[in-house]
Amino acid sequence: MLLAKGDMDGAIANFESAHKKTAHFADALKGWGDVLARQGKTKAALAKFHEALKYAPNWKALKQARDAVAKQGT
């Protein structure tokens, strides 16, 4: 919801908090990566996506998000 409102810092804070509480789930990491990607922070976004893939290696939307950001970085 914060991301939809354009509150990038608030969204990152929520995803970071969620990740601390659910460290072995990919959802918060993907969301965090999505925010970083919107901010143009390609390397940081890719790092979050790669970390998320450790916990959800078959998540198609996560792989698509990673691939889209990787293409922007080239």
Protein backbone atom coordinates (compact mmCIF):
# COMPACT_ATOMS: atom_id res chain seq x y z
CA MET A 1 0.00 0.00 0.00
CA LEU A 2 2.82 2.42 0.82
CA LEU A 3 4.49 1.60 -2.48
CA ALA A 4 1.27 2.35 -4.36
CA LYS A 5 1.13 5.73 -2.61
CA GLY A 6 4.70 6.48 -3.62
CA ASP A 7 6.12 6.21 -0.09
CA MET A 8 9.27 4.33 -1.06
CA ASP A 9 11.05 4.81 2.27
CA GLY A 10 8.01 3.64 4.21
CA ALA A 11 7.63 0.61 1.95
CA ILE A 12 11.27 -0.35 2.39
CA ALA A 13 10.95 0.02 6.18
CA ASN A 14 7.94 -2.30 6.17
CA PHE A 15 9.64 -4.89 3.95
CA GLU A 16 12.79 -4.75 6.08
CA SER A 17 10.74 -5.27 9.24
CA ALA A 18 8.82 -8.14 7.65
CA HIS A 19 12.06 -9.77 6.53
CA LYS A 20 13.44 -9.62 10.07
CA LYS A 21 10.32 -11.39 11.33
CA THR A 22 10.18 -13.95 8.51
CA ALA A 23 13.81 -14.34 7.53
CA HIS A 24 13.33 -17.54 5.55
CA PHE A 25 10.50 -16.36 3.31
CA ALA A 26 10.95 -14.64 -0.03
CA ASP A 27 7.92 -12.33 -0.04
CA ALA A 28 9.42 -9.41 1.86
CA LEU A 29 12.68 -9.67 -0.07
CA LYS A 30 10.86 -9.55 -3.40
CA GLY A 31 8.83 -6.54 -2.32
CA TRP A 32 11.98 -4.83 -1.08
CA GLY A 33 13.64 -5.56 -4.42
CA ASP A 34 10.63 -4.17 -6.27
CA VAL A 35 10.92 -0.87 -4.38
CA LEU A 36 14.66 -0.66 -5.01
CA ALA A 37 14.05 -1.33 -8.71
CA ARG A 38 11.52 1.52 -8.86
CA GLN A 39 14.13 3.76 -7.28
CA GLY A 40 16.60 2.81 -10.01
CA LYS A 41 18.87 0.96 -7.58
CA THR A 42 19.50 -1.96 -9.91
CA LYS A 43 22.36 -3.64 -8.04
CA ALA A 44 20.58 -3.48 -4.70
CA ALA A 45 17.34 -4.77 -6.25
CA LEU A 46 19.14 -7.69 -7.87
CA ALA A 47 20.77 -8.54 -4.56
CA LYS A 48 17.36 -8.74 -2.86
CA PHE A 49 15.92 -10.82 -5.71
CA HIS A 50 18.86 -13.23 -5.58
CA GLU A 51 18.50 -13.55 -1.82
CA ALA A 52 14.76 -14.23 -2.23
CA LEU A 53 15.48 -16.93 -4.81
CA LYS A 54 17.31 -18.90 -2.10
CA TYR A 55 13.96 -19.37 -0.36
CA ALA A 56 11.68 -19.58 -3.42
CA PRO A 57 13.72 -20.86 -6.36
CA ASN A 58 10.66 -21.70 -8.46
CA TRP A 59 8.71 -18.45 -7.98
CA LYS A 60 8.00 -17.35 -11.54
CA ALA A 61 7.09 -13.72 -10.73
CA LEU A 62 10.29 -13.34 -8.73
CA LYS A 63 12.39 -14.64 -11.62
CA GLN A 64 10.57 -12.31 -14.03
CA ALA A 65 11.20 -9.32 -11.77
CA ARG A 66 14.87 -10.25 -11.48
CA ASP A 67 15.21 -10.67 -15.23
CA ALA A 68 13.48 -7.36 -15.97
CA VAL A 69 15.79 -5.49 -13.61
CA ALA A 70 18.85 -7.30 -14.97
CA LYS A 71 17.93 -6.15 -18.49
CA GLN A 72 17.67 -2.54 -17.29
CA GLY A 73 21.14 -2.74 -15.81
CA THR A 74 22.76 -3.69 -19.11
